[in-house]
C-alpha atoms as a PDB file:
ATOM      1  CA  MET A   1       0.000   0.000   0.000  1.00  0.00           C
ATOM      2  CA  ALA A   2       1.515   3.310  -1.027  1.00  0.00           C
ATOM      3  CA  SER A   3       0.570   5.947   1.465  1.00  0.00           C
ATOM      4  CA  SER A   4       1.693   9.462   2.158  1.00  0.00           C
ATOM      5  CA  MET A   5       0.364   9.178   5.696  1.00  0.00           C
ATOM      6  CA  GLY A   6       2.704   8.635   8.595  1.00  0.00           C
ATOM      7  CA  LEU A   7       2.183   8.368  12.340  1.00  0.00           C
ATOM      8  CA  LYS A   8       4.644   9.493  14.979  1.00  0.00           C
ATOM      9  CA  TRP A   9       4.136   8.223  18.517  1.00  0.00           C
ATOM     10  CA  CYS A  10       5.644   9.538  21.742  1.00  0.00           C
ATOM     11  CA  LYS A  11       7.282   6.707  23.669  1.00  0.00           C
ATOM     12  CA  LYS A  12       6.070   7.955  27.044  1.00  0.00           C
ATOM     13  CA  ASN A  13       2.510   8.432  25.751  1.00  0.00           C
ATOM     14  CA  LEU A  14       2.554   4.896  24.374  1.00  0.00           C
ATOM     15  CA  GLU A  15       3.506   3.617  27.814  1.00  0.00           C
ATOM     16  CA  ARG A  16       0.773   5.633  29.523  1.00  0.00           C
ATOM     17  CA  PHE A  17      -2.187   5.560  27.124  1.00  0.00           C
ATOM     18  CA  SER A  18      -1.896   4.651  23.476  1.00  0.00           C
ATOM     19  CA  GLN A  19      -0.059   1.295  23.253  1.00  0.00           C
ATOM     20  CA  PRO A  20      -3.290  -0.647  22.457  1.00  0.00           C
ATOM     21  CA  VAL A  21      -4.045   1.753  19.595  1.00  0.00           C
ATOM     22  CA  TYR A  22      -0.526   1.393  18.214  1.00  0.00           C
ATOM     23  CA  ASP A  23      -0.762  -2.403  18.373  1.00  0.00           C
ATOM     24  CA  MET A  24      -4.138  -2.547  16.624  1.00  0.00           C
ATOM     25  CA  LEU A  25      -3.080  -0.172  13.840  1.00  0.00           C
ATOM     26  CA  ARG A  26       0.201  -2.047  13.353  1.00  0.00           C
ATOM     27  CA  GLU A  27      -1.818  -5.234  12.907  1.00  0.00           C
ATOM     28  CA  GLU A  28      -4.431  -3.714  10.564  1.00  0.00           C
ATOM     29  CA  TYR A  29      -2.043  -1.558   8.496  1.00  0.00           C
ATOM     30  CA  PRO A  30       1.358  -3.287   8.479  1.00  0.00           C
ATOM     31  CA  ASP A  31       2.635  -1.068   5.637  1.00  0.00           C
ATOM     32  CA  LEU A  32       1.682   2.201   7.330  1.00  0.00           C
ATOM     33  CA  PRO A  33       4.819   4.121   8.311  1.00  0.00           C
ATOM     34  CA  MET A  34       4.874   4.469  12.095  1.00  0.00           C
ATOM     35  CA  GLU A  35       7.691   5.932  14.127  1.00  0.00           C
ATOM     36  CA  ILE A  36       8.228   5.913  17.881  1.00  0.00           C
ATOM     37  CA  ALA A  37      10.116   8.939  19.169  1.00  0.00           C
ATOM     38  CA  ASP A  38      11.594   9.341  22.632  1.00  0.00           C
ATOM     39  CA  CYS A  39       9.906  12.748  22.883  1.00  0.00           C
ATOM     40  CA  VAL A  40       7.839  14.878  20.502  1.00  0.00           C
ATOM     41  CA  ASP A  41       7.938  18.010  22.718  1.00  0.00           C
ATOM     42  CA  LEU A  42       4.248  17.954  23.647  1.00  0.00           C
ATOM     43  CA  CYS A  43       4.749  17.180  27.334  1.00  0.00           C
ATOM     44  CA  GLY A  44       1.542  18.879  28.537  1.00  0.00           C
ATOM     45  CA  LEU A  45      -0.539  16.792  26.163  1.00  0.00           C
ATOM     46  CA  CYS A  46       1.550  13.666  26.598  1.00  0.00           C
ATOM     47  CA  THR A  47       0.805  13.303  30.299  1.00  0.00           C
ATOM     48  CA  ASP A  48      -2.940  13.941  29.958  1.00  0.00           C
ATOM     49  CA  VAL A  49      -4.444  12.105  26.975  1.00  0.00           C
ATOM     50  CA  PRO A  50      -3.569   9.594  24.260  1.00  0.00           C
ATOM     51  CA  PHE A  51      -2.322  11.275  21.098  1.00  0.00           C
ATOM     52  CA  VAL A  52      -0.306  10.725  17.945  1.00  0.00           C
ATOM     53  CA  LEU A  53       1.113  13.003  15.262  1.00  0.00           C
ATOM     54  CA  ARG A  54      -0.438  12.194  11.889  1.00  0.00           C
ATOM     55  CA  ASN A  55       1.620  13.959   9.212  1.00  0.00           C
ATOM     56  CA  ASN A  56       2.802  16.349  11.959  1.00  0.00           C
ATOM     57  CA  ALA A  57      -0.771  17.242  12.986  1.00  0.00           C
ATOM     58  CA  ILE A  58      -1.935  16.361  16.493  1.00  0.00           C
ATOM     59  CA  VAL A  59      -4.713  13.785  16.810  1.00  0.00           C
ATOM     60  CA  CYS A  60      -5.841  13.248  20.400  1.00  0.00           C
ATOM     61  CA  ALA A  61      -8.815  11.887  22.299  1.00  0.00           C
ATOM     62  CA  ARG A  62     -10.057  11.351  25.847  1.00  0.00           C
ATOM     63  CA  ASP A  63      -9.149   7.679  25.830  1.00  0.00           C
ATOM     64  CA  ALA A  64      -7.458   5.059  23.674  1.00  0.00           C
ATOM     65  CA  ARG A  65     -10.745   3.973  22.115  1.00  0.00           C
ATOM     66  CA  GLY A  66     -11.511   7.522  21.007  1.00  0.00           C
ATOM     67  CA  LEU A  67      -8.055   7.875  19.472  1.00  0.00           C
ATOM     68  CA  TYR A  68      -8.487   4.620  17.592  1.00  0.00           C
ATOM     69  CA  VAL A  69     -11.878   5.730  16.221  1.00  0.00           C
ATOM     70  CA  LYS A  70     -10.462   9.071  15.052  1.00  0.00           C
ATOM     71  CA  LEU A  71      -7.506   7.440  13.344  1.00  0.00           C
ATOM     72  CA  LYS A  72      -9.688   4.810  11.658  1.00  0.00           C
ATOM     73  CA  GLN A  73     -12.031   7.500  10.343  1.00  0.00           C
ATOM     74  CA  GLY A  74      -9.057   9.419   9.008  1.00  0.00           C
ATOM     75  CA  MET A  75      -7.707   6.339   7.253  1.00  0.00           C
ATOM     76  CA  SER A  76     -10.964   5.271   5.651  1.00  0.00           C
ATOM     77  CA  PHE A  77      -9.780   6.713   2.337  1.00  0.00           C
ATOM     78  CA  MET A  78      -7.156   3.957   2.166  1.00  0.00           C
ATOM     79  CA  THR A  79      -9.679   1.114   2.248  1.00  0.00           C
ATOM     80  CA  GLU A  80     -13.023   2.454   1.052  1.00  0.00           C
ATOM     81  CA  PRO A  81     -13.793   3.267  -2.575  1.00  0.00           C
ATOM     82  CA  ALA A  82     -13.660   6.919  -3.553  1.00  0.00           C
ATOM     83  CA  LEU A  83     -16.897   8.887  -3.684  1.00  0.00           C
ATOM     84  CA  PRO A  84     -18.330   9.075  -7.212  1.00  0.00           C
ATOM     85  CA  GLY A  85     -17.547  12.308  -9.023  1.00  0.00           C
ATOM     86  CA  THR A  86     -14.449  13.112  -6.991  1.00  0.00           C
ATOM     87  CA  TYR A  87     -10.988  13.383  -8.463  1.00  0.00           C
ATOM     88  CA  ALA A  88      -9.926  10.206  -6.662  1.00  0.00           C
ATOM     89  CA  ALA A  89     -12.827   8.295  -8.226  1.00  0.00           C
ATOM     90  CA  VAL A  90     -11.960   9.536 -11.716  1.00  0.00           C
ATOM     91  CA  VAL A  91      -8.312   8.515 -11.267  1.00  0.00           C
ATOM     92  CA  ALA A  92      -9.291   5.094  -9.922  1.00  0.00           C
ATOM     93  CA  GLN A  93     -11.728   4.587 -12.788  1.00  0.00           C
ATOM     94  CA  ALA A  94      -9.116   5.549 -15.379  1.00  0.00           C
ATOM     95  CA  ALA A  95      -6.554   3.257 -13.764  1.00  0.00           C
ATOM     96  CA  ALA A  96      -9.027   0.399 -13.957  1.00  0.00           C
ATOM     97  CA  GLY A  97      -9.587   1.124 -17.661  1.00  0.00           C
ATOM     98  CA  GLN A  98     -13.255   1.955 -17.174  1.00  0.00           C
ATOM     99  CA  ASP A  99     -13.527   5.391 -18.702  1.00  0.00           C
ATOM    100  CA  GLY A 100     -17.232   4.986 -19.397  1.00  0.00           C
ATOM    101  CA  GLY A 101     -16.895   5.778 -23.105  1.00  0.00           C
ATOM    102  CA  HIS A 102     -15.396   9.228 -22.620  1.00  0.00           C
ATOM    103  CA  ASP A 103     -12.936   8.587 -25.447  1.00  0.00           C
ATOM    104  CA  GLN A 104     -15.836   8.763 -27.934  1.00  0.00           C
ATOM    105  CA  PRO A 105     -16.161  12.156 -29.675  1.00  0.00           C
ATOM    106  CA  ALA A 106     -19.204  14.148 -28.661  1.00  0.00           C
ATOM    107  CA  GLY A 107     -22.287  13.624 -30.806  1.00  0.00           C
ATOM    108  CA  GLN A 108     -21.277  10.184 -32.059  1.00  0.00           C
ATOM    109  CA  PRO A 109     -23.092   7.129 -30.744  1.00  0.00           C
ATOM    110  CA  LYS A 110     -21.180   4.380 -29.016  1.00  0.00           C
ATOM    111  CA  ASP A 111     -20.635   1.234 -31.038  1.00  0.00           C
ATOM    112  CA  GLU A 112     -22.244  -1.471 -28.910  1.00  0.00           C
ATOM    113  CA  THR A 113     -21.993  -4.494 -31.215  1.00  0.00           C
END
């Protein structure tokens, strides 16, 4: 799975709160880049709630379950099909070779023999 998403975990926060979330995500997304840092310089947050840095943006929740739910919702684009009409859907459709007849010049009927 090619992904531009990366997660950075604080070692101390893992020990206190978020180790179960890390373990579950590691199991579900083995190719997802995850890094464990000794410190991410968010000490006030680190001692209070589970959190992780997703592409250098803070994602936190009241408990480990809440953090897991937030991260899963944020990663749904990696497993669910793209919404119809979006750029991602058009790219996926073109990659699959299903252009829906858009290569036909306008005004000419499709040859369906």
